[in-house]
Amino acid sequence: MWYDESVIYQIYPLGAFGAPFENDHVQAHRILKAKEYIPHLQKLGANTVLFNPLFQSVTHGYNTTDMRKVDERLGTTEDLQEVTEALKEAGIRVIFDAVFNHVGREFFAFQDVLKNREASPYKYWFHIDFGGNSSFNDGFWYKNWEGYDELVSLNLKNPEVVRYIFDTVDWWKKTFGISGLRLDVAYCLDQDFLRQLHDHVRSFEGEPFFLLGETLHGDYNTWVNEAMLDSCTNYECYKGIHSSFNSRNFFEILYSFNRQFGKDPWCLYTGKHLLAFVDNHDVNRIASVLEKKEQLPLVYGMLFTMPGIPAIYYGSESGVEGVKNENDTAIRPEIETPEWNDLTDRIARLIEIRKAEPVLSYGDYTQIALTNTACVYQRSHEGDTIWYAVNIDEAPVTLQVGRQADAADLLTGENICIDQTLELAPGSMKILKLQ
């Protein structure tokens, strides 16, 4: 599938393009700034853009008030069409962040319930008990998302709600030509709803429509399967990557790689393509998390050679820092013009390698060598074999790899001869294509 070979660039538009946190209801056209990112995306090599919330909301985009109106802080329907068409002309697909688990209190159907209570035709769009109360003293209780009364949970068992959502998806696809959805808090979504959504989008003409779910813990097979989602966020490996570098313990991340993608019958997700990332709009920036920032290229080397679909969060390709604060504005900053530096150069080269080598998208996974501060793992597919090798120690290391082969370092073009061992300089990595 096309998405198995994609390199995703995630943009949080309300932050990236400088919108005020509170919706001031002043019509602006900030989303057009996304067009200025296109040369950067092309040079970087990203072929898919994931836009976080774009539609009318109270603040951060996840308290939606109208799923079919572009947020006034960002622009108009015509503005967003102009952006998606420009991205498509540049060969870049677009994915929308879809917030279907809950809405904001200003959402039209909930406003009708507030006004008409038991007489509202929308009372079954939500989970409501008219014998209770809320923190807003509404005179009735309603199910919310994780204790936040500002976020009203939708009743996804109600066919009227499902039809409203499907009509919305249809309109997004027809109007903006999107290629997929990121399903916010997919781990909360009713699983029958996910099956129905899967069947609905499979009826679309043209290339397969990508369904990506936000998941945190648990067995990702619960959501990623032939009846539901194509992929989900791999938070286990997200944590394992930065933790292994910071604690000088590659046993952690290679345990996760093997547990998830190894060849043994008990391995969990072998053959599946989970979303691989080192930061996003909900967590601290990798440049702030990593204790030794000179290791950033090595971290991205791992990201682009591990199994999965790699995603980059806007600005992180140049080492932008950010630590979560109130309202998360510090990790969602305004960046009108993305910076290009040595780190960006290295990431662009990693993307070039990944796109040129199908083995990195489809290959199986095998551990070759492992110490606390160095490791080698292998990706193999249809006769091609690539090794990722890294050493974060302050001293050179010689690893026992148990193989003789000629290889080319895809990062440097250097040809080397492997004779049972592999030498790595301090703080270095190699991406070796074995002959």
Protein backbone atom coordinates (compact mmCIF):
# COMPACT_ATOMS: atom_id res chain seq x y z
CA MET A 1 0.00 0.00 0.00
CA TRP A 2 1.14 3.55 -0.63
CA TYR A 3 1.06 4.45 3.04
CA ASP A 4 3.50 1.68 3.93
CA GLU A 5 6.11 3.61 1.92
CA SER A 6 5.13 7.06 3.15
CA VAL A 7 7.22 9.55 5.10
CA ILE A 8 4.81 11.66 7.14
CA TYR A 9 5.38 15.28 8.12
CA GLN A 10 3.05 16.33 10.93
CA ILE A 11 1.94 19.97 11.24
CA TYR A 12 -0.13 21.40 14.08
CA PRO A 13 -1.65 24.31 12.10
CA LEU A 14 -3.08 26.38 14.95
CA GLY A 15 0.39 26.56 16.47
CA ALA A 16 2.62 26.50 13.40
CA PHE A 17 0.79 29.36 11.71
CA GLY A 18 0.41 31.59 14.77
CA ALA A 19 -3.28 31.40 15.64
CA PRO A 20 -4.40 32.68 19.04
CA PHE A 21 -5.08 29.88 21.54
CA GLU A 22 -8.63 31.07 22.23
CA ASN A 23 -10.83 31.30 19.14
CA ASP A 24 -11.35 35.03 18.61
CA HIS A 25 -13.77 34.40 15.70
CA VAL A 26 -11.81 36.78 13.51
CA GLN A 27 -11.63 35.47 9.96
CA ALA A 28 -7.98 34.95 9.04
CA HIS A 29 -6.18 33.07 6.28
CA ARG A 30 -3.25 31.55 8.16
CA ILE A 31 -3.60 28.09 6.60
CA LEU A 32 -2.26 29.54 3.34
CA LYS A 33 1.13 29.67 5.06
CA ALA A 34 1.23 25.90 4.61
CA LYS A 35 2.00 26.49 0.94
CA GLU A 36 5.29 28.08 1.99
CA TYR A 37 6.28 24.74 3.54
CA ILE A 38 6.09 22.90 0.21
CA PRO A 39 9.66 23.59 -1.03
CA HIS A 40 10.95 22.51 2.39
CA LEU A 41 8.90 19.30 2.29
CA GLN A 42 10.12 18.49 -1.20
CA LYS A 43 13.75 19.07 -0.29
CA LEU A 44 13.32 17.02 2.87
CA GLY A 45 11.62 14.17 1.00
CA ALA A 46 8.36 13.95 2.95
CA ASN A 47 5.55 12.67 0.75
CA THR A 48 2.59 12.93 3.14
CA VAL A 49 1.39 15.75 5.41
CA LEU A 50 -0.67 15.06 8.50
CA PHE A 51 -2.58 18.16 9.57
CA ASN A 52 -3.71 18.24 13.17
CA PRO A 53 -7.16 19.84 13.74
CA LEU A 54 -8.29 22.25 11.07
CA PHE A 55 -11.96 22.71 11.87
CA GLN A 56 -13.86 25.13 14.07
CA SER A 57 -13.13 24.71 17.78
CA VAL A 58 -13.01 26.64 21.03
CA THR A 59 -9.25 26.45 21.62
CA HIS A 60 -6.81 23.68 20.71
CA GLY A 61 -8.78 22.04 17.93
CA TYR A 62 -9.98 18.99 19.86
CA ASN A 63 -13.06 20.72 21.33
CA THR A 64 -14.76 20.87 17.93
CA THR A 65 -17.78 23.07 17.39
CA ASP A 66 -18.28 22.45 13.65
CA MET A 67 -16.70 19.54 11.77
CA ARG A 68 -17.51 21.11 8.41
CA LYS A 69 -16.25 24.64 8.91
CA VAL A 70 -12.56 25.46 8.67
CA ASP A 71 -11.48 27.18 11.86
CA GLU A 72 -11.81 30.94 11.39
CA ARG A 73 -8.34 31.41 12.87
CA LEU A 74 -6.95 29.35 9.96
CA GLY A 75 -9.03 30.31 6.95
CA THR A 76 -11.91 29.30 4.74
CA THR A 77 -12.91 26.21 2.83
CA GLU A 78 -11.44 27.80 -0.27
CA ASP A 79 -8.14 28.50 1.53
CA LEU A 80 -7.81 24.89 2.65
CA GLN A 81 -8.70 23.68 -0.85
CA GLU A 82 -5.94 25.87 -2.24
CA VAL A 83 -3.46 24.32 0.20
CA THR A 84 -4.44 20.69 -0.39
CA GLU A 85 -4.43 21.18 -4.16
CA ALA A 86 -0.96 22.74 -4.01
CA LEU A 87 0.31 19.83 -1.92
CA LYS A 88 -1.23 17.33 -4.32
CA GLU A 89 0.43 19.09 -7.29
CA ALA A 90 3.74 18.75 -5.43
CA GLY A 91 3.19 14.99 -5.06
CA ILE A 92 2.34 15.20 -1.37
CA ARG A 93 -0.71 13.43 0.06
CA VAL A 94 -2.77 14.89 2.90
CA ILE A 95 -4.19 13.26 6.05
CA PHE A 96 -6.63 15.04 8.36
CA ASP A 97 -6.80 14.68 12.14
CA ALA A 98 -10.31 13.37 12.82
CA VAL A 99 -11.81 14.06 16.26
CA PHE A 100 -14.78 11.71 16.43
CA ASN A 101 -14.76 10.60 20.06
CA HIS A 102 -15.92 13.92 21.51
CA VAL A 103 -16.88 17.49 20.67
CA GLY A 104 -16.82 20.85 22.42
CA ARG A 105 -19.77 22.15 24.38
CA GLU A 106 -20.45 24.68 21.60
CA PHE A 107 -21.15 21.87 19.11
CA PHE A 108 -24.59 22.48 17.59
CA ALA A 109 -26.17 19.23 18.79
CA PHE A 110 -25.04 19.70 22.39
CA GLN A 111 -26.22 23.31 22.33
CA ASP A 112 -29.65 22.03 21.34
CA VAL A 113 -29.64 19.64 24.30
CA LEU A 114 -28.71 22.50 26.64
CA LYS A 115 -31.63 24.53 25.29
CA ASN A 116 -34.31 21.86 24.92
CA ARG A 117 -33.18 19.15 27.34
CA GLU A 118 -35.42 16.05 27.13
CA ALA A 119 -37.22 17.53 24.10
CA SER A 120 -34.01 17.81 22.07
CA PRO A 121 -33.83 15.55 19.02
CA TYR A 122 -30.10 15.27 19.71
CA LYS A 123 -30.30 13.96 23.27
CA TYR A 124 -29.28 10.49 22.10
CA TRP A 125 -26.23 11.84 20.28
CA PHE A 126 -24.56 11.83 23.69
CA HIS A 127 -24.56 9.74 26.87
CA ILE A 128 -26.86 11.82 29.09
CA ASP A 129 -28.53 11.31 32.47
CA PHE A 130 -31.10 14.03 33.16
CA GLY A 131 -31.12 12.98 36.79
CA GLY A 132 -27.54 14.13 37.34
CA ASN A 133 -25.47 17.28 36.91
CA SER A 134 -22.17 18.49 35.48
CA SER A 135 -19.39 20.79 36.65
CA PHE A 136 -21.07 23.48 34.52
CA ASN A 137 -24.32 23.01 36.50
CA ASP A 138 -26.20 22.06 33.35
CA GLY A 139 -28.86 20.17 35.29
CA PHE A 140 -27.87 16.89 33.68
CA TRP A 141 -24.87 14.56 33.65
CA TYR A 142 -23.05 13.57 30.46
CA LYS A 143 -20.16 11.32 29.62
CA ASN A 144 -16.98 13.26 28.87
CA TRP A 145 -13.47 12.45 27.76
CA GLU A 146 -11.23 11.50 30.68
CA GLY A 147 -12.88 13.80 33.20
CA TYR A 148 -12.93 16.96 31.08
CA ASP A 149 -16.47 18.35 30.95
CA GLU A 150 -15.31 20.68 28.15
CA LEU A 151 -15.12 17.57 25.93
CA VAL A 152 -18.50 15.89 25.44
CA SER A 153 -18.36 12.24 24.34
CA LEU A 154 -20.38 11.33 21.26
CA ASN A 155 -22.62 8.26 21.26
CA LEU A 156 -21.02 6.27 18.46
CA LYS A 157 -23.66 3.55 18.84
CA ASN A 158 -26.26 5.98 17.50
CA PRO A 159 -26.76 5.51 13.72
CA GLU A 160 -27.56 9.23 13.34
CA VAL A 161 -24.17 10.17 14.80
CA VAL A 162 -22.40 7.62 12.64
CA ARG A 163 -24.14 8.96 9.53
CA TYR A 164 -23.19 12.53 10.44
CA ILE A 165 -19.55 11.51 10.81
CA PHE A 166 -19.51 9.48 7.59
CA ASP A 167 -21.10 12.38 5.70
CA THR A 168 -18.37 14.60 7.14
CA VAL A 169 -15.62 12.23 5.97
CA ASP A 170 -17.23 12.08 2.53
CA TRP A 171 -17.28 15.88 2.36
CA TRP A 172 -13.64 16.13 3.47
CA LYS A 173 -12.59 13.68 0.79
CA LYS A 174 -14.66 15.27 -1.98
CA THR A 175 -13.78 18.85 -1.05
CA PHE A 176 -10.12 18.51 -0.09
CA GLY A 177 -9.00 15.28 -1.76
CA ILE A 178 -7.57 13.78 1.42
CA SER A 179 -5.91 10.36 1.43
CA GLY A 180 -6.56 9.31 5.00
CA LEU A 181 -7.43 10.11 8.60
CA ARG A 182 -5.63 10.18 11.93
CA LEU A 183 -8.27 9.08 14.41
CA ASP A 184 -7.82 10.99 17.64
CA VAL A 185 -7.94 8.81 20.80
CA ALA A 186 -8.75 5.77 18.70
CA TYR A 187 -8.30 3.66 21.82
CA CYS A 188 -11.54 5.26 23.13
CA LEU A 189 -13.58 4.83 19.94
CA ASP A 190 -16.30 2.23 19.85
CA GLN A 191 -14.90 -0.76 17.98
CA ASP A 192 -18.11 -1.40 16.08
CA PHE A 193 -17.85 2.20 14.87
CA LEU A 194 -14.28 1.56 13.71
CA ARG A 195 -15.41 -1.49 11.76
CA GLN A 196 -18.16 0.52 10.12
CA LEU A 197 -15.75 3.34 9.29
CA HIS A 198 -13.32 0.83 7.79
CA ASP A 199 -16.04 -0.59 5.56
CA HIS A 200 -17.23 2.88 4.60
CA VAL A 201 -13.85 4.19 3.44
CA ARG A 202 -13.09 0.94 1.62
CA SER A 203 -15.97 1.85 -0.69
CA PHE A 204 -14.11 4.97 -1.89
CA GLU A 205 -12.90 4.90 -5.47
CA GLY A 206 -9.20 5.16 -6.25
CA GLU A 207 -6.26 4.31 -4.03
CA PRO A 208 -6.78 2.83 -0.55
CA PHE A 209 -7.85 5.34 2.09
CA PHE A 210 -5.50 5.26 5.11
CA LEU A 211 -6.84 4.88 8.64
CA LEU A 212 -4.30 5.68 11.36
CA GLY A 213 -5.31 5.46 15.00
CA GLU A 214 -3.91 7.17 18.07
CA THR A 215 -3.20 4.41 20.58
CA LEU A 216 -1.07 4.45 23.71
CA HIS A 217 -0.89 1.14 25.56
CA GLY A 218 -2.24 -2.37 25.21
CA ASP A 219 -2.20 -4.79 22.30
CA TYR A 220 -2.15 -2.78 19.09
CA ASN A 221 -3.70 -5.76 17.29
CA THR A 222 -6.94 -4.76 19.01
CA TRP A 223 -7.18 -1.86 16.57
CA VAL A 224 -4.80 -2.70 13.70
CA ASN A 225 -6.35 -5.56 11.80
CA GLU A 226 -8.12 -6.34 8.56
CA ALA A 227 -11.48 -5.15 9.89
CA MET A 228 -10.46 -1.86 11.51
CA LEU A 229 -7.31 0.28 11.20
CA ASP A 230 -4.30 0.17 8.88
CA SER A 231 -1.86 1.52 11.46
CA CYS A 232 -1.56 3.10 14.90
CA THR A 233 0.89 5.17 16.91
CA ASN A 234 3.72 3.05 18.32
CA TYR A 235 4.14 4.66 21.74
CA GLU A 236 6.04 1.66 23.09
CA CYS A 237 8.92 2.24 20.70
CA TYR A 238 8.61 6.03 20.97
CA LYS A 239 9.46 5.72 24.65
CA GLY A 240 12.03 2.99 24.12
CA ILE A 241 14.09 4.99 21.63
CA HIS A 242 14.83 8.07 23.73
CA SER A 243 15.01 6.04 26.94
CA SER A 244 17.61 3.68 25.46
CA PHE A 245 19.81 6.56 24.30
CA ASN A 246 19.52 8.46 27.59
CA SER A 247 20.05 5.46 29.87
CA ARG A 248 22.74 3.93 27.66
CA ASN A 249 20.73 0.74 27.43
CA PHE A 250 19.95 -0.49 23.93
CA PHE A 251 18.57 -3.70 25.45
CA GLU A 252 15.32 -1.79 26.07
CA ILE A 253 14.56 -0.72 22.52
CA LEU A 254 15.83 -3.89 20.85
CA TYR A 255 13.67 -5.93 23.20
CA SER A 256 10.68 -3.91 21.96
CA PHE A 257 11.73 -4.25 18.31
CA ASN A 258 11.99 -8.01 18.65
CA ARG A 259 8.83 -8.32 20.75
CA GLN A 260 6.91 -6.38 18.13
CA PHE A 261 8.50 -7.31 14.81
CA GLY A 262 10.71 -10.38 15.27
CA LYS A 263 10.38 -13.71 13.48
CA ASP A 264 9.29 -15.85 16.43
CA PRO A 265 5.66 -17.01 16.50
CA TRP A 266 4.97 -15.03 19.66
CA CYS A 267 6.10 -11.69 18.18
CA LEU A 268 3.14 -9.32 18.15
CA TYR A 269 3.08 -7.14 15.03
CA THR A 270 5.32 -8.83 12.49
CA GLY A 271 4.33 -7.65 9.02
CA LYS A 272 2.32 -4.69 10.31
CA HIS A 273 3.30 -1.08 9.72
CA LEU A 274 2.89 0.97 12.89
CA LEU A 275 3.55 4.70 13.01
CA ALA A 276 7.12 5.31 14.19
CA PHE A 277 7.94 8.70 15.75
CA VAL A 278 10.24 10.36 18.27
CA ASP A 279 7.94 13.27 19.17
CA ASN A 280 4.60 14.83 18.28
CA HIS A 281 2.11 17.51 19.39
CA ASP A 282 1.35 15.75 22.70
CA VAL A 283 4.84 15.12 24.09
CA ASN A 284 8.11 16.95 24.75
CA ARG A 285 10.27 17.62 21.71
CA ILE A 286 13.00 15.02 21.16
CA ALA A 287 15.65 17.78 21.21
CA SER A 288 14.55 18.58 24.76
CA VAL A 289 14.22 14.97 25.87
CA LEU A 290 17.57 13.74 24.57
CA GLU A 291 20.32 14.37 27.12
CA LYS A 292 23.05 14.53 24.47
CA LYS A 293 21.79 16.55 21.54
CA GLU A 294 24.71 15.44 19.38
CA GLN A 295 22.93 12.06 19.30
CA LEU A 296 19.92 13.46 17.41
CA PRO A 297 21.20 12.20 14.02
CA LEU A 298 21.65 8.73 15.52
CA VAL A 299 18.10 8.77 16.90
CA TYR A 300 16.74 9.68 13.48
CA GLY A 301 18.93 6.98 11.96
CA MET A 302 17.08 4.48 14.12
CA LEU A 303 13.70 6.02 13.30
CA PHE A 304 14.22 5.67 9.55
CA THR A 305 15.56 2.12 9.66
CA MET A 306 13.21 0.50 12.20
CA PRO A 307 10.01 -1.25 11.06
CA GLY A 308 7.07 1.08 10.62
CA ILE A 309 5.95 4.29 8.92
CA PRO A 310 8.22 7.17 10.00
CA ALA A 311 6.75 10.53 10.99
CA ILE A 312 8.49 13.85 11.67
CA TYR A 313 6.93 16.59 13.78
CA TYR A 314 7.28 20.04 12.24
CA GLY A 315 10.41 21.84 13.39
CA SER A 316 12.01 18.80 14.96
CA GLU A 317 13.92 18.12 11.76
CA SER A 318 16.03 21.17 12.65
CA GLY A 319 16.26 20.46 16.39
CA VAL A 320 13.52 22.75 17.70
CA GLU A 321 13.13 22.29 21.45
CA GLY A 322 9.96 22.37 23.56
CA VAL A 323 8.69 21.11 26.91
CA LYS A 324 4.99 20.71 27.69
CA ASN A 325 3.37 23.64 29.47
CA GLU A 326 -0.16 24.78 30.20
CA ASN A 327 -2.17 24.44 26.98
CA ASP A 328 0.89 22.77 25.32
CA THR A 329 1.75 25.94 23.41
CA ALA A 330 5.48 25.38 24.05
CA ILE A 331 5.49 22.17 22.01
CA ARG A 332 3.27 23.67 19.29
CA PRO A 333 5.14 26.87 18.41
CA GLU A 334 4.73 29.21 15.50
CA ILE A 335 7.20 28.34 12.73
CA GLU A 336 6.43 30.27 9.57
CA THR A 337 9.64 29.31 7.80
CA PRO A 338 11.19 25.94 8.66
CA GLU A 339 14.93 26.09 9.32
CA TRP A 340 17.45 23.99 7.39
CA ASN A 341 20.65 22.96 9.16
CA ASP A 342 23.07 20.02 9.48
CA LEU A 343 20.47 17.87 11.26
CA THR A 344 17.93 18.55 8.51
CA ASP A 345 20.57 17.59 5.94
CA ARG A 346 21.12 14.27 7.68
CA ILE A 347 17.41 13.55 7.97
CA ALA A 348 16.91 14.36 4.28
CA ARG A 349 19.62 11.83 3.44
CA LEU A 350 17.97 9.22 5.71
CA ILE A 351 14.65 9.80 3.95
CA GLU A 352 16.36 9.49 0.57
CA ILE A 353 17.83 6.15 1.62
CA ARG A 354 14.53 4.90 2.97
CA LYS A 355 12.63 5.79 -0.19
CA ALA A 356 15.29 4.17 -2.39
CA GLU A 357 15.38 0.93 -0.40
CA PRO A 358 12.05 -0.95 -0.18
CA VAL A 359 13.64 -3.27 2.36
CA LEU A 360 13.32 -0.48 4.93
CA SER A 361 9.57 -0.32 4.36
CA TYR A 362 8.81 -4.01 3.98
CA GLY A 363 11.75 -5.92 5.41
CA ASP A 364 11.64 -8.29 8.34
CA TYR A 365 13.62 -7.60 11.50
CA THR A 366 16.56 -9.50 13.05
CA GLN A 367 18.88 -8.54 15.89
CA ILE A 368 22.55 -8.99 14.93
CA ALA A 369 24.59 -7.60 17.85
CA LEU A 370 23.80 -5.87 21.12
CA THR A 371 25.59 -4.22 24.03
CA ASN A 372 24.41 -1.50 26.39
CA THR A 373 25.81 1.25 24.17
CA ALA A 374 25.98 -0.30 20.69
CA CYS A 375 23.77 -2.45 18.51
CA VAL A 376 23.25 -3.77 15.03
CA TYR A 377 19.94 -4.91 13.58
CA GLN A 378 18.99 -6.20 10.16
CA ARG A 379 16.15 -5.57 7.72
CA SER A 380 15.76 -8.14 4.90
CA HIS A 381 13.37 -8.28 1.95
CA GLU A 382 13.41 -10.03 -1.42
CA GLY A 383 17.15 -10.66 -1.36
CA ASP A 384 18.17 -7.23 -0.04
CA THR A 385 19.71 -6.82 3.40
CA ILE A 386 20.44 -3.61 5.28
CA TRP A 387 22.02 -3.21 8.71
CA TYR A 388 21.64 -0.27 11.04
CA ALA A 389 24.64 -0.06 13.37
CA VAL A 390 25.14 2.53 16.11
CA ASN A 391 27.59 3.24 18.91
CA ILE A 392 26.85 5.89 21.55
CA ASP A 393 29.90 5.16 23.70
CA GLU A 394 32.81 7.59 24.02
CA ALA A 395 35.15 4.83 22.85
CA PRO A 396 35.26 2.81 19.62
CA VAL A 397 33.66 -0.60 19.71
CA THR A 398 34.17 -3.88 17.86
CA LEU A 399 30.99 -5.93 17.63
CA GLN A 400 30.76 -9.63 16.88
CA VAL A 401 28.33 -9.95 13.98
CA GLY A 402 29.02 -13.55 12.91
CA ARG A 403 29.09 -12.90 9.20
CA GLN A 404 31.44 -12.27 6.31
CA ALA A 405 30.20 -9.87 3.63
CA ASP A 406 31.05 -6.88 1.52
CA ALA A 407 28.90 -3.88 2.28
CA ALA A 408 28.35 -0.28 1.26
CA ASP A 409 27.66 2.42 3.82
CA LEU A 410 24.64 4.20 2.35
CA LEU A 411 25.38 7.31 4.38
CA THR A 412 28.96 7.83 3.19
CA GLY A 413 29.32 5.65 0.09
CA GLU A 414 32.24 3.84 1.75
CA ASN A 415 32.75 0.18 0.85
CA ILE A 416 33.76 -2.06 3.72
CA CYS A 417 34.55 -5.73 4.24
CA ILE A 418 32.84 -7.39 7.19
CA ASP A 419 34.74 -10.36 8.58
CA GLN A 420 32.86 -11.59 11.63
CA THR A 421 33.23 -8.22 13.35
CA LEU A 422 32.14 -4.64 12.76
CA GLU A 423 34.00 -1.62 14.08
CA LEU A 424 32.18 1.56 15.00
CA ALA A 425 33.72 4.88 15.95
CA PRO A 426 32.52 6.71 19.08
CA GLY A 427 29.13 8.39 18.67
CA SER A 428 28.61 7.07 15.15
CA MET A 429 26.21 5.08 13.01
CA LYS A 430 26.33 3.15 9.76
CA ILE A 431 23.59 2.05 7.39
CA LEU A 432 25.12 -0.86 5.54
CA LYS A 433 23.75 -2.55 2.46
CA LEU A 434 25.21 -6.02 2.32
CA GLN A 435 26.28 -7.47 -1.01
